[in-house]
PDB file of all heavy atoms in Angstrom:
ATOM      1  N   VAL A   1     -25.373  35.234  -2.920  1.00  0.00           N
ATOM      2  CA  VAL A   1     -26.092  34.572  -3.952  1.00  0.00           C
ATOM      3  C   VAL A   1     -25.392  33.249  -4.337  1.00  0.00           C
ATOM      4  O   VAL A   1     -26.027  32.182  -4.463  1.00  0.00           O
ATOM      5  CB  VAL A   1     -26.328  35.440  -5.175  1.00  0.00           C
ATOM      6  CG1 VAL A   1     -26.923  34.689  -6.373  1.00  0.00           C
ATOM      7  CG2 VAL A   1     -27.244  36.638  -4.820  1.00  0.00           C
ATOM      8  N   ARG A   2     -24.079  33.379  -4.515  1.00  0.00           N
ATOM      9  CA  ARG A   2     -23.282  32.155  -4.929  1.00  0.00           C
ATOM     10  C   ARG A   2     -23.492  31.031  -3.905  1.00  0.00           C
ATOM     11  O   ARG A   2     -23.677  29.861  -4.268  1.00  0.00           O
ATOM     12  CB  ARG A   2     -21.828  32.525  -5.083  1.00  0.00           C
ATOM     13  CG  ARG A   2     -21.533  33.405  -6.252  1.00  0.00           C
ATOM     14  CD  ARG A   2     -21.301  32.546  -7.516  1.00  0.00           C
ATOM     15  NE  ARG A   2     -20.091  31.636  -7.407  1.00  0.00           N
ATOM     16  CZ  ARG A   2     -18.894  31.956  -7.821  1.00  0.00           C
ATOM     17  NH1 ARG A   2     -18.646  33.146  -8.349  1.00  0.00           N
ATOM     18  NH2 ARG A   2     -17.890  31.068  -7.711  1.00  0.00           N
ATOM     19  N   LEU A   3     -23.404  31.340  -2.615  1.00  0.00           N
ATOM     20  CA  LEU A   3     -23.440  30.327  -1.584  1.00  0.00           C
ATOM     21  C   LEU A   3     -24.861  29.859  -1.394  1.00  0.00           C
ATOM     22  O   LEU A   3     -25.121  28.649  -1.197  1.00  0.00           O
ATOM     23  CB  LEU A   3     -22.935  30.849  -0.265  1.00  0.00           C
ATOM     24  CG  LEU A   3     -21.458  31.336  -0.302  1.00  0.00           C
ATOM     25  CD1 LEU A   3     -20.951  31.671   1.088  1.00  0.00           C
ATOM     26  CD2 LEU A   3     -20.512  30.244  -0.855  1.00  0.00           C
ATOM     27  N   ALA A   4     -25.874  30.714  -1.478  1.00  0.00           N
ATOM     28  CA  ALA A   4     -27.279  30.268  -1.340  1.00  0.00           C
ATOM     29  C   ALA A   4     -27.649  29.380  -2.481  1.00  0.00           C
ATOM     30  O   ALA A   4     -28.433  28.468  -2.319  1.00  0.00           O
ATOM     31  CB  ALA A   4     -28.183  31.503  -1.288  1.00  0.00           C
ATOM     32  N   ARG A   5     -27.083  29.645  -3.660  1.00  0.00           N
ATOM     33  CA  ARG A   5     -27.406  28.804  -4.819  1.00  0.00           C
ATOM     34  C   ARG A   5     -26.988  27.356  -4.578  1.00  0.00           C
ATOM     35  O   ARG A   5     -27.622  26.401  -4.975  1.00  0.00           O
ATOM     36  CB  ARG A   5     -26.714  29.374  -6.063  1.00  0.00           C
ATOM     37  CG  ARG A   5     -27.167  28.747  -7.356  1.00  0.00           C
ATOM     38  CD  ARG A   5     -26.550  29.516  -8.563  1.00  0.00           C
ATOM     39  NE  ARG A   5     -27.232  30.827  -8.746  1.00  0.00           N
ATOM     40  CZ  ARG A   5     -26.580  31.962  -9.087  1.00  0.00           C
ATOM     41  NH1 ARG A   5     -25.254  31.903  -9.207  1.00  0.00           N
ATOM     42  NH2 ARG A   5     -27.238  33.047  -9.232  1.00  0.00           N
ATOM     43  N   VAL A   6     -25.804  27.179  -3.857  1.00  0.00           N
ATOM     44  CA  VAL A   6     -25.371  25.820  -3.573  1.00  0.00           C
ATOM     45  C   VAL A   6     -26.312  25.128  -2.650  1.00  0.00           C
ATOM     46  O   VAL A   6     -26.691  23.960  -2.879  1.00  0.00           O
ATOM     47  CB  VAL A   6     -23.943  25.863  -2.935  1.00  0.00           C
ATOM     48  CG1 VAL A   6     -23.516  24.497  -2.473  1.00  0.00           C
ATOM     49  CG2 VAL A   6     -22.937  26.489  -3.871  1.00  0.00           C
ATOM     50  N   ALA A   7     -26.818  25.884  -1.640  1.00  0.00           N
ATOM     51  CA  ALA A   7     -27.812  25.303  -0.712  1.00  0.00           C
ATOM     52  C   ALA A   7     -29.094  24.934  -1.486  1.00  0.00           C
ATOM     53  O   ALA A   7     -29.753  23.919  -1.114  1.00  0.00           O
ATOM     54  CB  ALA A   7     -28.133  26.285   0.421  1.00  0.00           C
ATOM     55  N   GLY A   8     -29.444  25.737  -2.465  1.00  0.00           N
ATOM     56  CA  GLY A   8     -30.612  25.465  -3.233  1.00  0.00           C
ATOM     57  C   GLY A   8     -30.582  24.185  -4.017  1.00  0.00           C
ATOM     58  O   GLY A   8     -31.607  23.533  -4.274  1.00  0.00           O
ATOM     59  N   ARG A   9     -29.377  23.771  -4.415  1.00  0.00           N
ATOM     60  CA  ARG A   9     -29.243  22.506  -5.157  1.00  0.00           C
ATOM     61  C   ARG A   9     -29.756  21.322  -4.294  1.00  0.00           C
ATOM     62  O   ARG A   9     -30.136  20.271  -4.858  1.00  0.00           O
ATOM     63  CB  ARG A   9     -27.780  22.223  -5.483  1.00  0.00           C
ATOM     64  CG  ARG A   9     -27.187  23.226  -6.510  1.00  0.00           C
ATOM     65  CD  ARG A   9     -25.710  22.893  -6.682  1.00  0.00           C
ATOM     66  NE  ARG A   9     -24.977  24.027  -7.328  1.00  0.00           N
ATOM     67  CZ  ARG A   9     -23.697  24.276  -7.174  1.00  0.00           C
ATOM     68  NH1 ARG A   9     -22.946  23.406  -6.484  1.00  0.00           N
ATOM     69  NH2 ARG A   9     -23.120  25.255  -7.828  1.00  0.00           N
ATOM     70  N   TYR A  10     -29.734  21.471  -2.985  1.00  0.00           N
ATOM     71  CA  TYR A  10     -30.132  20.402  -2.117  1.00  0.00           C
ATOM     72  C   TYR A  10     -31.484  20.757  -1.419  1.00  0.00           C
ATOM     73  O   TYR A  10     -31.798  20.279  -0.363  1.00  0.00           O
ATOM     74  CB  TYR A  10     -29.091  20.143  -1.054  1.00  0.00           C
ATOM     75  CG  TYR A  10     -27.763  19.713  -1.694  1.00  0.00           C
ATOM     76  CD1 TYR A  10     -26.787  20.669  -1.976  1.00  0.00           C
ATOM     77  CD2 TYR A  10     -27.572  18.394  -2.000  1.00  0.00           C
ATOM     78  CE1 TYR A  10     -25.571  20.269  -2.526  1.00  0.00           C
ATOM     79  CE2 TYR A  10     -26.334  18.004  -2.558  1.00  0.00           C
ATOM     80  CZ  TYR A  10     -25.365  18.938  -2.858  1.00  0.00           C
ATOM     81  OH  TYR A  10     -24.169  18.576  -3.448  1.00  0.00           O
ATOM     82  N   HIS A  11     -32.241  21.660  -2.088  1.00  0.00           N
ATOM     83  CA  HIS A  11     -33.517  22.081  -1.604  1.00  0.00           C
ATOM     84  C   HIS A  11     -33.457  22.753  -0.227  1.00  0.00           C
ATOM     85  O   HIS A  11     -34.443  22.665   0.601  1.00  0.00           O
ATOM     86  CB  HIS A  11     -34.542  20.899  -1.549  1.00  0.00           C
ATOM     87  CG  HIS A  11     -34.619  20.221  -2.814  1.00  0.00           C
ATOM     88  ND1 HIS A  11     -35.273  20.745  -3.973  1.00  0.00           N
ATOM     89  CD2 HIS A  11     -34.168  18.981  -3.292  1.00  0.00           C
ATOM     90  CE1 HIS A  11     -35.194  19.914  -5.009  1.00  0.00           C
ATOM     91  NE2 HIS A  11     -34.547  18.871  -4.580  1.00  0.00           N
ATOM     92  N   GLY A  12     -32.371  23.462   0.064  1.00  0.00           N
ATOM     93  CA  GLY A  12     -32.240  24.245   1.273  1.00  0.00           C
ATOM     94  C   GLY A  12     -32.710  25.648   1.100  1.00  0.00           C
ATOM     95  O   GLY A  12     -32.925  26.108   0.005  1.00  0.00           O
ATOM     96  N   LEU A  13     -32.912  26.297   2.204  1.00  0.00           N
ATOM     97  CA  LEU A  13     -33.402  27.734   2.156  1.00  0.00           C
ATOM     98  C   LEU A  13     -32.294  28.667   2.584  1.00  0.00           C
ATOM     99  O   LEU A  13     -31.162  28.225   2.979  1.00  0.00           O
ATOM    100  CB  LEU A  13     -34.654  27.912   3.017  1.00  0.00           C
ATOM    101  CG  LEU A  13     -34.610  27.440   4.491  1.00  0.00           C
ATOM    102  CD1 LEU A  13     -33.720  28.254   5.355  1.00  0.00           C
ATOM    103  CD2 LEU A  13     -36.074  27.560   5.033  1.00  0.00           C
ATOM    104  N   TYR A  14     -32.574  29.944   2.492  1.00  0.00           N
ATOM    105  CA  TYR A  14     -31.666  30.994   2.899  1.00  0.00           C
ATOM    106  C   TYR A  14     -32.268  31.708   4.108  1.00  0.00           C
ATOM    107  O   TYR A  14     -33.323  32.390   3.904  1.00  0.00           O
ATOM    108  CB  TYR A  14     -31.349  31.963   1.793  1.00  0.00           C
ATOM    109  CG  TYR A  14     -30.541  33.197   2.200  1.00  0.00           C
ATOM    110  CD1 TYR A  14     -29.264  33.060   2.709  1.00  0.00           C
ATOM    111  CD2 TYR A  14     -31.104  34.462   2.024  1.00  0.00           C
ATOM    112  CE1 TYR A  14     -28.536  34.218   3.082  1.00  0.00           C
ATOM    113  CE2 TYR A  14     -30.365  35.567   2.381  1.00  0.00           C
ATOM    114  CZ  TYR A  14     -29.085  35.456   2.939  1.00  0.00           C
ATOM    115  OH  TYR A  14     -28.375  36.582   3.314  1.00  0.00           O
ATOM    116  N   ALA A  15     -31.696  31.590   5.292  1.00  0.00           N
ATOM    117  CA  ALA A  15     -32.211  32.240   6.515  1.00  0.00           C
ATOM    118  C   ALA A  15     -31.242  33.358   6.845  1.00  0.00           C
ATOM    119  O   ALA A  15     -30.050  33.082   7.027  1.00  0.00           O
ATOM    120  CB  ALA A  15     -32.316  31.244   7.658  1.00  0.00           C
ATOM    121  N   THR A  16     -31.759  34.570   7.015  1.00  0.00           N
ATOM    122  CA  THR A  16     -30.849  35.689   7.195  1.00  0.00           C
ATOM    123  C   THR A  16     -31.174  36.585   8.407  1.00  0.00           C
ATOM    124  O   THR A  16     -32.344  36.958   8.586  1.00  0.00           O
ATOM    125  CB  THR A  16     -30.780  36.561   5.921  1.00  0.00           C
ATOM    126  OG1 THR A  16     -29.895  37.679   6.135  1.00  0.00           O
ATOM    127  CG2 THR A  16     -32.199  37.073   5.543  1.00  0.00           C
ATOM    128  N   HIS A  17     -30.160  36.811   9.198  1.00  0.00           N
ATOM    129  CA  HIS A  17     -30.165  37.969  10.101  1.00  0.00           C
ATOM    130  C   HIS A  17     -29.648  39.088   9.248  1.00  0.00           C
ATOM    131  O   HIS A  17     -28.476  39.156   8.912  1.00  0.00           O
ATOM    132  CB  HIS A  17     -29.198  37.708  11.268  1.00  0.00           C
ATOM    133  CG  HIS A  17     -29.142  38.877  12.251  1.00  0.00           C
ATOM    134  ND1 HIS A  17     -28.886  38.712  13.604  1.00  0.00           N
ATOM    135  CD2 HIS A  17     -29.287  40.223  12.024  1.00  0.00           C
ATOM    136  CE1 HIS A  17     -28.894  39.887  14.169  1.00  0.00           C
ATOM    137  NE2 HIS A  17     -29.128  40.813  13.291  1.00  0.00           N
ATOM    138  N   MET A  18     -30.591  39.960   8.844  1.00  0.00           N
ATOM    139  CA  MET A  18     -30.326  40.963   7.786  1.00  0.00           C
ATOM    140  C   MET A  18     -29.246  41.960   8.212  1.00  0.00           C
ATOM    141  O   MET A  18     -28.851  42.020   9.375  1.00  0.00           O
ATOM    142  CB  MET A  18     -31.609  41.693   7.456  1.00  0.00           C
ATOM    143  CG  MET A  18     -32.678  40.733   6.886  1.00  0.00           C
ATOM    144  SD  MET A  18     -34.171  41.663   6.401  1.00  0.00           S
ATOM    145  CE  MET A  18     -34.691  42.430   7.948  1.00  0.00           C
ATOM    146  N   ARG A  19     -28.860  42.716   7.206  1.00  0.00           N
ATOM    147  CA  ARG A  19     -27.765  43.716   7.409  1.00  0.00           C
ATOM    148  C   ARG A  19     -28.170  44.844   8.322  1.00  0.00           C
ATOM    149  O   ARG A  19     -27.318  45.460   8.911  1.00  0.00           O
ATOM    150  CB  ARG A  19     -27.372  44.203   6.050  1.00  0.00           C
ATOM    151  CG  ARG A  19     -25.945  44.694   5.934  1.00  0.00           C
ATOM    152  CD  ARG A  19     -25.507  45.043   4.525  1.00  0.00           C
ATOM    153  NE  ARG A  19     -25.523  43.905   3.639  1.00  0.00           N
ATOM    154  CZ  ARG A  19     -24.425  43.102   3.535  1.00  0.00           C
ATOM    155  NH1 ARG A  19     -23.338  43.308   4.273  1.00  0.00           N
ATOM    156  NH2 ARG A  19     -24.453  42.101   2.645  1.00  0.00           N
ATOM    157  N   ASN A  20     -29.449  45.087   8.473  1.00  0.00           N
ATOM    158  CA  ASN A  20     -29.916  46.204   9.254  1.00  0.00           C
ATOM    159  C   ASN A  20     -31.350  45.875   9.732  1.00  0.00           C
ATOM    160  O   ASN A  20     -32.159  45.314   8.937  1.00  0.00           O
ATOM    161  CB  ASN A  20     -29.863  47.464   8.464  1.00  0.00           C
ATOM    162  CG  ASN A  20     -30.167  48.680   9.372  1.00  0.00           C
ATOM    163  OD1 ASN A  20     -31.312  49.050   9.604  1.00  0.00           O
ATOM    164  ND2 ASN A  20     -29.131  49.361   9.833  1.00  0.00           N
ATOM    165  N   GLU A  21     -31.677  46.287  10.941  1.00  0.00           N
ATOM    166  CA  GLU A  21     -32.992  46.102  11.532  1.00  0.00           C
ATOM    167  C   GLU A  21     -33.569  47.403  12.117  1.00  0.00           C
ATOM    168  O   GLU A  21     -34.439  47.366  12.953  1.00  0.00           O
ATOM    169  CB  GLU A  21     -32.958  44.995  12.543  1.00  0.00           C
ATOM    170  CG  GLU A  21     -32.588  43.618  11.996  1.00  0.00           C
ATOM    171  CD  GLU A  21     -32.464  42.551  13.031  1.00  0.00           C
ATOM    172  OE1 GLU A  21     -31.973  42.816  14.133  1.00  0.00           O
ATOM    173  OE2 GLU A  21     -32.867  41.368  12.731  1.00  0.00           O
ATOM    174  N   SER A  22     -33.021  48.507  11.599  1.00  0.00           N
ATOM    175  CA  SER A  22     -33.517  49.811  12.106  1.00  0.00           C
ATOM    176  C   SER A  22     -33.603  50.773  10.952  1.00  0.00           C
ATOM    177  O   SER A  22     -34.547  50.685  10.148  1.00  0.00           O
ATOM    178  CB  SER A  22     -32.593  50.323  13.264  1.00  0.00           C
ATOM    179  OG  SER A  22     -31.229  50.409  12.760  1.00  0.00           O
ATOM    180  N   ASP A  23     -32.697  51.723  10.835  1.00  0.00           N
ATOM    181  CA  ASP A  23     -32.832  52.777   9.871  1.00  0.00           C
ATOM    182  C   ASP A  23     -32.863  52.343   8.438  1.00  0.00           C
ATOM    183  O   ASP A  23     -33.560  52.896   7.577  1.00  0.00           O
ATOM    184  CB  ASP A  23     -31.730  53.806  10.057  1.00  0.00           C
ATOM    185  CG  ASP A  23     -31.789  54.517  11.417  1.00  0.00           C
ATOM    186  OD1 ASP A  23     -32.819  54.444  12.093  1.00  0.00           O
ATOM    187  OD2 ASP A  23     -30.795  55.111  11.823  1.00  0.00           O
ATOM    188  N   SER A  24     -32.154  51.255   8.136  1.00  0.00           N
ATOM    189  CA  SER A  24     -31.992  50.783   6.721  1.00  0.00           C
ATOM    190  C   SER A  24     -32.628  49.405   6.519  1.00  0.00           C
ATOM    191  O   SER A  24     -32.238  48.641   5.652  1.00  0.00           O
ATOM    192  CB  SER A  24     -30.495  50.726   6.294  1.00  0.00           C
ATOM    193  OG  SER A  24     -29.904  51.977   6.432  1.00  0.00           O
ATOM    194  N   VAL A  25     -33.645  49.097   7.324  1.00  0.00           N
ATOM    195  CA  VAL A  25     -34.219  47.789   7.273  1.00  0.00           C
ATOM    196  C   VAL A  25     -34.903  47.466   5.946  1.00  0.00           C
ATOM    197  O   VAL A  25     -34.917  46.320   5.493  1.00  0.00           O
ATOM    198  CB  VAL A  25     -35.253  47.559   8.471  1.00  0.00           C
ATOM    199  CG1 VAL A  25     -36.463  48.547   8.308  1.00  0.00           C
ATOM    200  CG2 VAL A  25     -35.674  46.149   8.582  1.00  0.00           C
ATOM    201  N   ARG A  26     -35.483  48.513   5.310  1.00  0.00           N
ATOM    202  CA  ARG A  26     -36.114  48.272   4.025  1.00  0.00           C
ATOM    203  C   ARG A  26     -35.124  47.781   2.968  1.00  0.00           C
ATOM    204  O   ARG A  26     -35.398  46.813   2.217  1.00  0.00           O
ATOM    205  CB  ARG A  26     -36.838  49.524   3.553  1.00  0.00           C
ATOM    206  CG  ARG A  26     -37.978  49.946   4.487  1.00  0.00           C
ATOM    207  CD  ARG A  26     -38.322  51.448   4.311  1.00  0.00           C
ATOM    208  NE  ARG A  26     -39.252  51.892   5.385  1.00  0.00           N
ATOM    209  CZ  ARG A  26     -38.874  52.236   6.608  1.00  0.00           C
ATOM    210  NH1 ARG A  26     -37.572  52.173   6.926  1.00  0.00           N
ATOM    211  NH2 ARG A  26     -39.752  52.619   7.493  1.00  0.00           N
ATOM    212  N   GLN A  27     -33.967  48.458   2.906  1.00  0.00           N
ATOM    213  CA  GLN A  27     -32.974  48.017   2.003  1.00  0.00           C
ATOM    214  C   GLN A  27     -32.436  46.636   2.337  1.00  0.00           C
ATOM    215  O   GLN A  27     -32.136  45.809   1.433  1.00  0.00           O
ATOM    216  CB  GLN A  27     -31.758  48.991   2.020  1.00  0.00           C
ATOM    217  CG  GLN A  27     -32.097  50.366   1.529  1.00  0.00           C
ATOM    218  CD  GLN A  27     -32.588  51.346   2.630  1.00  0.00           C
ATOM    219  OE1 GLN A  27     -33.287  50.950   3.537  1.00  0.00           O
ATOM    220  NE2 GLN A  27     -32.127  52.624   2.505  1.00  0.00           N
ATOM    221  N   ALA A  28     -32.404  46.297   3.623  1.00  0.00           N
ATOM    222  CA  ALA A  28     -31.986  44.994   4.068  1.00  0.00           C
ATOM    223  C   ALA A  28     -32.935  43.893   3.590  1.00  0.00           C
ATOM    224  O   ALA A  28     -32.551  42.826   3.148  1.00  0.00           O
ATOM    225  CB  ALA A  28     -31.799  44.926   5.596  1.00  0.00           C
ATOM    226  N   ILE A  29     -34.206  44.197   3.715  1.00  0.00           N
ATOM    227  CA  ILE A  29     -35.204  43.275   3.268  1.00  0.00           C
ATOM    228  C   ILE A  29     -35.070  43.033   1.721  1.00  0.00           C
ATOM    229  O   ILE A  29     -35.141  41.887   1.171  1.00  0.00           O
ATOM    230  CB  ILE A  29     -36.694  43.705   3.591  1.00  0.00           C
ATOM    231  CG1 ILE A  29     -36.893  43.610   5.133  1.00  0.00           C
ATOM    232  CG2 ILE A  29     -37.727  42.857   2.864  1.00  0.00           C
ATOM    233  CD1 ILE A  29     -38.196  44.244   5.595  1.00  0.00           C
ATOM    234  N   GLN A  30     -34.886  44.135   0.999  1.00  0.00           N
ATOM    235  CA  GLN A  30     -34.720  44.034  -0.444  1.00  0.00           C
ATOM    236  C   GLN A  30     -33.590  43.167  -0.808  1.00  0.00           C
ATOM    237  O   GLN A  30     -33.555  42.438  -1.814  1.00  0.00           O
ATOM    238  CB  GLN A  30     -34.664  45.424  -1.049  1.00  0.00           C
ATOM    239  CG  GLN A  30     -35.957  46.186  -0.986  1.00  0.00           C
ATOM    240  CD  GLN A  30     -35.862  47.683  -1.279  1.00  0.00           C
ATOM    241  OE1 GLN A  30     -34.710  48.223  -1.181  1.00  0.00           O
ATOM    242  NE2 GLN A  30     -36.972  48.308  -1.528  1.00  0.00           N
ATOM    243  N   GLU A  31     -32.416  43.353  -0.025  1.00  0.00           N
ATOM    244  CA  GLU A  31     -31.257  42.467  -0.310  1.00  0.00           C
ATOM    245  C   GLU A  31     -31.587  40.996  -0.092  1.00  0.00           C
ATOM    246  O   GLU A  31     -31.209  40.141  -0.888  1.00  0.00           O
ATOM    247  CB  GLU A  31     -30.080  42.877   0.550  1.00  0.00           C
ATOM    248  CG  GLU A  31     -28.853  42.072   0.293  1.00  0.00           C
ATOM    249  CD  GLU A  31     -27.750  42.314   1.256  1.00  0.00           C
ATOM    250  OE1 GLU A  31     -27.960  42.602   2.452  1.00  0.00           O
ATOM    251  OE2 GLU A  31     -26.562  42.291   0.841  1.00  0.00           O
ATOM    252  N   ALA A  32     -32.279  40.701   1.034  1.00  0.00           N
ATOM    253  CA  ALA A  32     -32.622  39.308   1.290  1.00  0.00           C
ATOM    254  C   ALA A  32     -33.502  38.764   0.143  1.00  0.00           C
ATOM    255  O   ALA A  32     -33.261  37.551  -0.272  1.00  0.00           O
ATOM    256  CB  ALA A  32     -33.363  39.233   2.616  1.00  0.00           C
ATOM    257  N   LEU A  33     -34.462  39.529  -0.291  1.00  0.00           N
ATOM    258  CA  LEU A  33     -35.285  39.045  -1.385  1.00  0.00           C
ATOM    259  C   LEU A  33     -34.553  38.886  -2.645  1.00  0.00           C
ATOM    260  O   LEU A  33     -34.728  37.906  -3.441  1.00  0.00           O
ATOM    261  CB  LEU A  33     -36.444  40.059  -1.640  1.00  0.00           C
ATOM    262  CG  LEU A  33     -37.439  40.223  -0.406  1.00  0.00           C
ATOM    263  CD1 LEU A  33     -38.392  41.346  -0.769  1.00  0.00           C
ATOM    264  CD2 LEU A  33     -38.115  38.940  -0.080  1.00  0.00           C
ATOM    265  N   GLN A  34     -33.572  39.730  -2.889  1.00  0.00           N
ATOM    266  CA  GLN A  34     -32.683  39.599  -4.054  1.00  0.00           C
ATOM    267  C   GLN A  34     -31.907  38.327  -4.072  1.00  0.00           C
ATOM    268  O   GLN A  34     -31.790  37.572  -5.052  1.00  0.00           O
ATOM    269  CB  GLN A  34     -31.765  40.830  -4.180  1.00  0.00           C
ATOM    270  CG  GLN A  34     -30.813  40.772  -5.364  1.00  0.00           C
ATOM    271  CD  GLN A  34     -29.820  41.896  -5.475  1.00  0.00           C
ATOM    272  OE1 GLN A  34     -29.959  42.893  -4.673  1.00  0.00           O
ATOM    273  NE2 GLN A  34     -28.794  41.797  -6.245  1.00  0.00           N
ATOM    274  N   VAL A  35     -31.362  38.022  -2.913  1.00  0.00           N
ATOM    275  CA  VAL A  35     -30.588  36.769  -2.793  1.00  0.00           C
ATOM    276  C   VAL A  35     -31.473  35.559  -3.110  1.00  0.00           C
ATOM    277  O   VAL A  35     -31.049  34.693  -3.850  1.00  0.00           O
ATOM    278  CB  VAL A  35     -29.985  36.616  -1.358  1.00  0.00           C
ATOM    279  CG1 VAL A  35     -29.357  35.206  -1.141  1.00  0.00           C
ATOM    280  CG2 VAL A  35     -28.957  37.719  -1.081  1.00  0.00           C
ATOM    281  N   GLY A  36     -32.698  35.573  -2.570  1.00  0.00           N
ATOM    282  CA  GLY A  36     -33.595  34.480  -2.824  1.00  0.00           C
ATOM    283  C   GLY A  36     -33.932  34.340  -4.303  1.00  0.00           C
ATOM    284  O   GLY A  36     -33.976  33.274  -4.867  1.00  0.00           O
ATOM    285  N   ARG A  37     -34.216  35.504  -4.955  1.00  0.00           N
ATOM    286  CA  ARG A  37     -34.600  35.454  -6.405  1.00  0.00           C
ATOM    287  C   ARG A  37     -33.455  34.983  -7.220  1.00  0.00           C
ATOM    288  O   ARG A  37     -33.628  34.095  -8.051  1.00  0.00           O
ATOM    289  CB  ARG A  37     -35.038  36.889  -6.827  1.00  0.00           C
ATOM    290  CG  ARG A  37     -36.385  37.287  -6.410  1.00  0.00           C
ATOM    291  CD  ARG A  37     -36.782  38.545  -7.177  1.00  0.00           C
ATOM    292  NE  ARG A  37     -35.838  39.638  -7.113  1.00  0.00           N
ATOM    293  CZ  ARG A  37     -35.855  40.606  -6.176  1.00  0.00           C
ATOM    294  NH1 ARG A  37     -36.753  40.591  -5.236  1.00  0.00           N
ATOM    295  NH2 ARG A  37     -34.935  41.554  -6.190  1.00  0.00           N
ATOM    296  N   GLU A  38     -32.273  35.512  -7.022  1.00  0.00           N
ATOM    297  CA  GLU A  38     -31.157  35.186  -7.865  1.00  0.00           C
ATOM    298  C   GLU A  38     -30.589  33.782  -7.625  1.00  0.00           C
ATOM    299  O   GLU A  38     -30.090  33.152  -8.570  1.00  0.00           O
ATOM    300  CB  GLU A  38     -30.053  36.242  -7.734  1.00  0.00           C
ATOM    301  CG  GLU A  38     -30.489  37.585  -8.233  1.00  0.00           C
ATOM    302  CD  GLU A  38     -29.330  38.645  -8.211  1.00  0.00           C
ATOM    303  OE1 GLU A  38     -28.192  38.245  -8.087  1.00  0.00           O
ATOM    304  OE2 GLU A  38     -29.678  39.865  -8.443  1.00  0.00           O
TER     305      GLU A  38
END
């Protein structure tokens, strides 16, 4: 969140290869969304 916020100051986005793409992919999506929101 801290680093993405810096990118946001310059109208940048947050692109993520998430933490998991199989058994825990739902939690990984939720984390990505949380980073974007915060």
